[in-house]
């Protein structure tokens, strides 16, 4: 079994039990399990992929493990803990906004992806301009990734924004306020290697987003 071979199964087992016992008392009793079986290997995975991702992006990388505690301030659901393990590698380049690489394990998914969750206002302007002016190239890059089994996030808007043609060839892209592409991992035999392979396959999306942000 590879170094991270049990992370997915350990996470699913832990979160399935947590879902039925999502209370502070249970968490305190089982925090050592989280720290040992989930947090420690997750931090090691973040660390070990930082160098190859920095080489792929030709830029420094900042990594982040998202905290297990939920922000319940504005939620009707007051359960205190997330039932997923999410992590992120942020490109720390010179662009006004930089894309990320992300990986997550939930009770029913193991997902790898890239992109920008939400465009800053100037980048959104650049995005729409480039999609309109360089439609075929942008569509070609996106389709080269989706043809490999990646799924784009759903568009944020119901209609193509003004002043663009409502029947624009890339209308689904113009309706987006952020762009991510993700793919599920199945039949995991080498988690670290498969994550890196997936990031590499989706890299054209991040490269495109960097160039658009810099435009």
Protein backbone atom coordinates (compact mmCIF):
# COMPACT_ATOMS: atom_id res chain seq x y z
CA UNK A 1 0.00 0.00 0.00
CA UNK A 2 1.33 3.47 -0.89
CA UNK A 3 2.07 6.09 1.74
CA UNK A 4 -1.42 7.61 1.43
CA UNK A 5 -3.16 4.39 0.53
CA UNK A 6 -5.53 4.38 3.50
CA UNK A 7 -6.38 8.10 3.56
CA UNK A 8 -9.52 7.85 1.44
CA UNK A 9 -10.97 4.86 3.32
CA UNK A 10 -10.02 6.33 6.70
CA UNK A 11 -11.64 9.65 5.80
CA UNK A 12 -14.87 8.08 4.54
CA UNK A 13 -15.13 5.87 7.62
CA UNK A 14 -14.48 8.79 9.96
CA UNK A 15 -16.94 11.14 8.25
CA UNK A 16 -19.71 8.55 8.01
CA UNK A 17 -19.50 8.09 11.77
CA UNK A 18 -19.19 11.84 12.35
CA UNK A 19 -22.35 12.45 10.32
CA UNK A 20 -24.30 10.45 12.93
CA UNK A 21 -22.51 12.07 15.88
CA UNK A 22 -21.84 15.64 14.83
CA UNK A 23 -21.40 17.10 18.30
CA UNK A 24 -18.51 18.67 20.16
CA UNK A 25 -18.43 15.90 22.75
CA UNK A 26 -17.98 13.17 20.14
CA UNK A 27 -15.37 15.23 18.30
CA UNK A 28 -13.31 15.72 21.43
CA UNK A 29 -13.35 11.98 22.09
CA UNK A 30 -12.23 11.19 18.52
CA UNK A 31 -9.99 14.17 17.73
CA UNK A 32 -6.87 12.03 18.10
CA UNK A 33 -8.17 9.77 15.32
CA UNK A 34 -8.73 12.79 13.08
CA UNK A 35 -5.27 14.16 13.85
CA UNK A 36 -3.50 10.85 13.24
CA UNK A 37 -5.43 9.26 10.38
CA UNK A 38 -6.60 12.35 8.44
CA UNK A 39 -4.81 15.57 9.38
CA UNK A 40 -1.26 14.21 9.51
CA UNK A 41 -1.33 12.44 6.11
CA UNK A 42 -3.20 15.40 4.59
CA UNK A 43 -0.47 17.80 5.70
CA UNK A 44 2.17 15.39 4.37
CA UNK A 45 0.33 15.21 1.02
CA UNK A 46 0.15 19.00 0.84
CA UNK A 47 3.86 19.23 1.53
CA UNK A 48 4.93 16.52 -0.92
CA UNK A 49 2.96 17.95 -3.83
CA UNK A 50 4.12 21.53 -3.32
CA UNK A 51 7.43 21.12 -5.17
CA UNK A 52 6.06 19.30 -8.26
CA UNK A 53 3.18 21.79 -8.50
CA UNK A 54 5.62 24.69 -8.23
CA UNK A 55 7.55 23.15 -11.13
CA UNK A 56 4.37 22.66 -13.16
CA UNK A 57 3.21 26.25 -12.56
CA UNK A 58 6.71 27.75 -12.67
CA UNK A 59 5.77 29.76 -9.58
CA UNK A 60 5.79 29.45 -5.78
CA UNK A 61 2.95 27.48 -4.21
CA UNK A 62 1.13 28.04 -0.91
CA UNK A 63 -0.75 25.07 0.54
CA UNK A 64 -3.74 25.00 2.85
CA UNK A 65 -5.70 22.37 4.77
CA UNK A 66 -9.20 23.64 5.45
CA UNK A 67 -10.26 23.52 9.08
CA UNK A 68 -12.73 20.87 10.21
CA UNK A 69 -14.97 23.37 11.98
CA UNK A 70 -17.93 24.73 10.06
CA UNK A 71 -18.79 28.43 9.93
CA UNK A 72 -22.33 28.29 11.24
CA UNK A 73 -22.90 32.02 11.72
CA UNK A 74 -25.18 32.38 8.71
CA UNK A 75 -26.37 28.79 8.35
CA UNK A 76 -29.54 27.11 9.53
CA UNK A 77 -27.48 23.94 9.89
CA UNK A 78 -25.67 24.35 13.21
CA UNK A 79 -23.77 21.06 13.17
CA UNK A 80 -20.24 22.10 14.16
CA UNK A 81 -17.98 19.95 11.95
CA UNK A 82 -17.51 19.36 8.23
CA UNK A 83 -17.92 15.82 6.95
CA UNK A 84 -15.20 16.27 4.35
CA UNK A 85 -11.45 16.78 4.09
CA UNK A 86 -10.54 19.60 1.71
CA UNK A 87 -7.12 20.98 0.78
CA UNK A 88 -5.75 23.49 -1.68
CA UNK A 89 -2.53 24.57 -3.36
CA UNK A 90 -2.54 28.26 -4.31
CA UNK A 91 -0.29 29.52 -7.09
CA UNK A 92 1.62 32.48 -5.64
CA UNK A 93 2.58 34.18 -8.88
CA UNK A 94 2.58 37.75 -10.16
CA UNK A 95 -0.89 37.72 -11.74
CA UNK A 96 -3.54 39.99 -10.14
CA UNK A 97 -5.46 36.81 -9.28
CA UNK A 98 -4.03 33.30 -9.28
CA UNK A 99 -5.83 29.97 -9.74
CA UNK A 100 -5.63 27.00 -7.39
CA UNK A 101 -5.31 23.24 -7.38
CA UNK A 102 -7.75 21.51 -5.03
CA UNK A 103 -8.43 18.04 -3.65
CA UNK A 104 -11.25 16.80 -1.47
CA UNK A 105 -12.56 13.62 0.12
CA UNK A 106 -16.18 13.50 1.24
CA UNK A 107 -18.52 10.71 2.25
CA UNK A 108 -19.51 10.09 -1.39
CA UNK A 109 -16.73 11.65 -3.47
CA UNK A 110 -13.00 11.99 -4.00
CA UNK A 111 -12.44 14.97 -6.28
CA UNK A 112 -9.44 16.67 -7.86
CA UNK A 113 -9.70 20.00 -9.64
CA UNK A 114 -8.25 23.33 -10.71
CA UNK A 115 -9.40 26.86 -11.39
CA UNK A 116 -10.70 30.03 -9.79
CA UNK A 117 -13.74 29.67 -7.52
CA UNK A 118 -14.75 33.27 -8.22
CA UNK A 119 -13.25 35.91 -10.47
CA UNK A 120 -12.21 39.24 -8.99
CA UNK A 121 -14.01 42.06 -10.80
CA UNK A 122 -11.14 43.02 -13.16
CA UNK A 123 -10.52 39.35 -13.99
CA UNK A 124 -14.23 38.82 -14.67
CA UNK A 125 -14.07 41.72 -17.15
CA UNK A 126 -10.98 40.21 -18.81
CA UNK A 127 -12.60 36.77 -18.87
CA UNK A 128 -15.67 37.94 -20.72
CA UNK A 129 -13.63 40.04 -23.12
CA UNK A 130 -11.31 37.14 -23.99
CA UNK A 131 -14.13 34.60 -24.32
CA UNK A 132 -15.80 36.96 -26.78
CA UNK A 133 -12.70 37.99 -28.75
CA UNK A 134 -10.86 34.66 -28.75
CA UNK A 135 -13.78 32.26 -28.60
CA UNK A 136 -12.40 29.34 -30.56
CA UNK A 137 -9.08 29.24 -28.68
CA UNK A 138 -10.77 29.44 -25.27
CA UNK A 139 -13.30 26.77 -26.22
CA UNK A 140 -10.49 24.60 -27.53
CA UNK A 141 -8.58 24.78 -24.24
CA UNK A 142 -11.69 24.06 -22.19
CA UNK A 143 -12.75 21.16 -24.41
CA UNK A 144 -9.25 19.65 -24.34
CA UNK A 145 -9.74 19.26 -20.58
CA UNK A 146 -13.41 18.28 -20.51
CA UNK A 147 -12.69 15.62 -23.14
CA UNK A 148 -10.53 13.95 -20.48
CA UNK A 149 -13.46 13.53 -18.11
CA UNK A 150 -13.36 16.85 -16.26
CA UNK A 151 -16.56 18.65 -15.38
CA UNK A 152 -16.94 22.43 -15.33
CA UNK A 153 -18.80 24.20 -12.57
CA UNK A 154 -22.34 25.26 -13.42
CA UNK A 155 -22.73 28.78 -14.84
CA UNK A 156 -23.68 31.41 -12.25
CA UNK A 157 -25.99 33.39 -14.49
CA UNK A 158 -29.16 32.20 -16.21
CA UNK A 159 -28.59 34.46 -19.21
CA UNK A 160 -25.58 35.68 -21.16
CA UNK A 161 -24.69 39.11 -19.72
CA UNK A 162 -25.02 42.29 -21.75
CA UNK A 163 -23.67 43.39 -24.18
CA UNK A 164 -22.86 39.91 -25.50
CA UNK A 165 -25.02 38.01 -27.98
CA UNK A 166 -27.62 35.93 -26.10
CA UNK A 167 -26.85 33.10 -28.53
CA UNK A 168 -23.08 33.45 -28.22
CA UNK A 169 -21.13 30.33 -29.21
CA UNK A 170 -19.49 30.31 -25.75
CA UNK A 171 -22.53 31.54 -23.87
CA UNK A 172 -22.09 28.98 -21.09
CA UNK A 173 -18.64 30.41 -20.38
CA UNK A 174 -19.85 34.01 -20.46
CA UNK A 175 -22.45 33.09 -17.84
CA UNK A 176 -19.72 32.02 -15.39
CA UNK A 177 -18.34 34.21 -12.61
CA UNK A 178 -15.60 31.69 -11.88
CA UNK A 179 -14.22 28.64 -13.63
CA UNK A 180 -13.27 25.29 -12.16
CA UNK A 181 -12.72 21.91 -13.76
CA UNK A 182 -12.80 18.78 -11.59
CA UNK A 183 -12.67 15.03 -11.98
CA UNK A 184 -13.55 12.16 -9.65
CA UNK A 185 -10.85 9.69 -8.66
CA UNK A 186 -11.88 6.05 -8.97
CA UNK A 187 -9.97 2.85 -8.26
CA UNK A 188 -7.27 4.61 -6.28
CA UNK A 189 -3.98 2.72 -6.19
CA UNK A 190 -1.50 5.60 -5.88
CA UNK A 191 -3.28 8.61 -4.41
CA UNK A 192 -0.37 11.04 -4.62
CA UNK A 193 0.52 10.04 -8.18
CA UNK A 194 -3.07 10.09 -9.39
CA UNK A 195 -3.69 13.53 -7.90
CA UNK A 196 -0.58 14.92 -9.58
CA UNK A 197 -1.49 13.28 -12.90
CA UNK A 198 -4.94 14.86 -12.67
CA UNK A 199 -3.53 18.30 -11.91
CA UNK A 200 -1.19 17.97 -14.88
CA UNK A 201 -4.04 16.99 -17.20
CA UNK A 202 -6.07 20.01 -16.09
CA UNK A 203 -3.15 22.45 -16.11
CA UNK A 204 -4.23 24.12 -19.41
CA UNK A 205 -7.21 25.61 -17.53
CA UNK A 206 -5.01 27.24 -14.90
CA UNK A 207 -2.49 28.41 -17.50
CA UNK A 208 -5.32 30.02 -19.46
CA UNK A 209 -6.72 31.72 -16.35
CA UNK A 210 -3.31 33.16 -15.45
CA UNK A 211 -2.92 34.63 -18.93
CA UNK A 212 -6.42 36.14 -18.77
CA UNK A 213 -5.81 37.61 -15.31
CA UNK A 214 -2.61 39.21 -16.60
CA UNK A 215 -4.22 40.59 -19.77
